[in-house]
Protein backbone atom coordinates (compact mmCIF):
# COMPACT_ATOMS: atom_id res chain seq x y z
CA MET A 1 19.53 0.63 9.55
CA LEU A 2 16.05 -0.37 8.32
CA ASP A 3 14.51 2.69 9.98
CA GLU A 4 16.95 4.90 8.04
CA ILE A 5 16.03 3.19 4.76
CA VAL A 6 12.29 3.58 5.42
CA ARG A 7 12.66 7.24 6.37
CA SER A 8 14.87 7.92 3.33
CA ALA A 9 12.32 6.24 1.06
CA ALA A 10 9.54 8.37 2.58
CA GLN A 11 11.67 11.44 1.97
CA LEU A 12 12.09 10.45 -1.69
CA LEU A 13 8.30 10.19 -1.91
CA ASP A 14 7.92 13.53 -0.11
CA ALA A 15 5.64 11.65 2.26
CA PRO A 16 5.21 11.82 6.02
CA VAL A 17 6.18 8.68 7.92
CA GLN A 18 5.19 7.52 11.41
CA HIS A 19 6.58 4.62 13.41
CA GLU A 20 4.28 2.99 15.91
CA ALA A 21 3.83 -0.49 17.38
CA GLY A 22 6.57 -2.04 15.24
CA SER A 23 5.24 -0.69 11.92
CA TRP A 24 5.97 2.31 9.77
CA PHE A 25 3.11 4.16 8.07
CA ILE A 26 3.90 6.23 4.98
CA ASP A 27 1.27 8.60 3.54
CA VAL A 28 1.93 8.27 -0.19
CA TRP A 29 0.42 10.81 -2.56
CA VAL A 30 -0.95 9.30 -5.77
CA PHE A 31 -2.95 10.45 -8.77
CA LEU A 32 -5.74 8.36 -10.28
CA ASP A 33 -4.73 9.68 -13.69
CA PRO A 34 -1.15 10.95 -13.68
CA HIS A 35 -1.62 12.35 -17.20
CA ASP A 36 -4.51 14.63 -16.17
CA PRO A 37 -3.09 18.01 -15.07
CA ASP A 38 -6.36 18.82 -13.28
CA ALA A 39 -6.38 15.61 -11.21
CA GLU A 40 -6.24 16.15 -7.48
CA PRO A 41 -3.71 14.09 -5.54
CA ARG A 42 -5.04 11.42 -3.23
CA ARG A 43 -3.48 9.97 -0.11
CA GLN A 44 -2.90 6.25 0.41
CA ILE A 45 -1.40 4.92 3.62
CA VAL A 46 1.16 2.15 3.20
CA GLN A 47 2.09 0.10 6.25
CA LEU A 48 5.55 -1.47 6.42
CA PHE A 49 6.57 -4.15 8.89
CA GLU A 50 9.39 -6.62 9.24
CA GLY A 51 8.93 -10.37 9.04
CA GLU A 52 9.75 -12.53 12.03
CA ALA A 53 13.09 -13.65 10.57
CA HIS A 54 13.99 -9.99 9.77
CA ASP A 55 14.81 -11.02 6.20
CA LEU A 56 11.69 -9.52 4.60
CA LEU A 57 9.92 -6.19 4.80
CA TYR A 58 6.20 -6.36 4.08
CA LEU A 59 4.21 -3.50 2.60
CA SER A 60 0.44 -3.37 2.83
CA SER A 61 -2.26 -0.85 2.00
CA THR A 62 -5.95 -1.15 2.75
CA VAL A 63 -8.39 -0.87 -0.14
CA GLY A 64 -11.49 -0.97 2.03
CA PRO A 65 -13.95 -3.22 3.80
CA TYR A 66 -14.80 -6.48 2.08
CA SER A 67 -18.32 -7.46 1.14
CA ASP A 68 -19.66 -10.28 -1.03
CA ASP A 69 -21.17 -7.62 -3.31
CA LEU A 70 -17.80 -6.28 -4.48
CA ALA A 71 -16.81 -6.97 -8.08
CA LEU A 72 -13.38 -8.47 -7.52
CA ALA A 73 -12.80 -10.11 -10.91
CA PRO A 74 -11.86 -6.82 -12.65
CA LEU A 75 -9.38 -6.04 -9.86
CA LEU A 76 -7.78 -9.45 -10.09
CA ARG A 77 -7.44 -9.01 -13.85
CA GLN A 78 -5.61 -5.70 -13.27
CA MET A 79 -3.18 -7.53 -10.98
CA VAL A 80 -2.08 -9.80 -13.85
CA GLY A 81 0.51 -7.21 -14.89
CA ALA A 82 1.67 -6.47 -11.35
CA MET A 83 5.29 -7.38 -10.85
CA HIS A 84 5.46 -7.21 -7.09
CA CYS A 85 1.96 -6.70 -5.66
CA SER A 86 -0.90 -8.95 -4.75
CA LEU A 87 -4.48 -8.47 -3.60
CA TYR A 88 -5.67 -10.34 -0.53
CA LEU A 89 -8.39 -10.51 2.09
CA ALA A 90 -7.08 -9.70 5.58
CA ALA A 91 -8.23 -11.37 8.77
CA PRO A 92 -11.03 -9.55 10.59
CA ASP A 93 -10.03 -6.48 12.59
CA PRO A 94 -11.10 -6.07 16.26
CA GLU A 95 -14.56 -4.94 15.06
CA GLY A 96 -14.91 -8.10 12.97
CA VAL A 97 -14.54 -6.35 9.58
CA GLU A 98 -12.49 -8.02 6.83
CA HIS A 99 -10.55 -5.69 4.52
CA LEU A 100 -9.16 -6.01 1.02
CA LYS A 101 -5.48 -5.13 0.92
CA VAL A 102 -2.73 -4.75 -1.63
CA SER A 103 0.62 -6.08 -0.47
CA ALA A 104 4.20 -6.73 -1.45
CA ALA A 105 7.36 -8.02 0.20
CA VAL A 106 11.01 -7.23 -0.35
CA GLU A 107 14.23 -8.74 0.99
CA THR A 108 15.90 -6.52 3.55
CA SER A 109 19.46 -7.67 2.80
CA THR A 110 19.72 -5.71 -0.45
CA LEU A 111 17.11 -3.04 0.25
CA HIS A 112 17.86 0.58 -0.56
CA PRO A 113 15.66 3.71 -0.32
CA GLU A 114 15.01 4.06 -4.06
CA ARG A 115 13.79 0.47 -4.38
CA LEU A 116 11.59 0.82 -1.31
CA ALA A 117 10.14 4.13 -2.53
CA ASP A 118 9.25 2.55 -5.90
CA LEU A 119 7.59 -0.43 -4.22
CA ALA A 120 5.67 1.74 -1.74
CA ARG A 121 4.39 3.84 -4.65
CA GLU A 122 3.34 0.70 -6.56
CA VAL A 123 1.41 -0.64 -3.57
CA ALA A 124 -0.21 2.76 -2.98
CA VAL A 125 -1.21 3.23 -6.63
CA PHE A 126 -2.87 -0.19 -6.91
CA ALA A 127 -4.67 0.20 -3.57
CA ASP A 128 -5.87 3.70 -4.41
CA ARG A 129 -7.04 2.68 -7.89
CA PHE A 130 -9.00 -0.25 -6.47
CA GLU A 131 -10.41 1.92 -3.70
CA ALA A 132 -11.68 4.41 -6.29
CA ASP A 133 -13.11 1.63 -8.50
CA LEU A 134 -14.92 -0.12 -5.64
CA PHE A 135 -15.97 2.74 -3.38
CA GLY A 136 -15.74 5.88 -5.52
CA ARG A 137 -14.10 7.72 -2.63
CA GLU A 138 -11.15 7.53 -0.29
CA VAL A 139 -11.53 5.03 2.53
CA ASP A 140 -9.32 6.18 5.39
CA VAL A 141 -8.46 2.93 7.13
CA ARG A 142 -5.11 1.77 8.44
């Protein structure tokens, strides 16, 4: 059932979805400035995975590698208005690199494709905006 909801949400977003190692990966297309007709779309990968109790679905998107030189205060201030997203520092990956991520969680019991599509877009937009602010380019990291 959850797989159907995720795939339906990806379809609503007109985004490819892959399922591997217990996670879904949706390539969400976003625009840095949706009001600029000349803006090129950008891709932001959103990972979805179920919690251990199967009552929550987590969404996460990587902003980029963390460094002490990053100006995080402006990003945190932008998160003040976020209804469902948060910014966090993930544990080091196998190469020892920590990454900034935007995340959200949603209850699976009442989940439907439209709600999931909206939340995936919100996570992708925040992550992409922060990625552009911090790195000035797309950082292609799962």
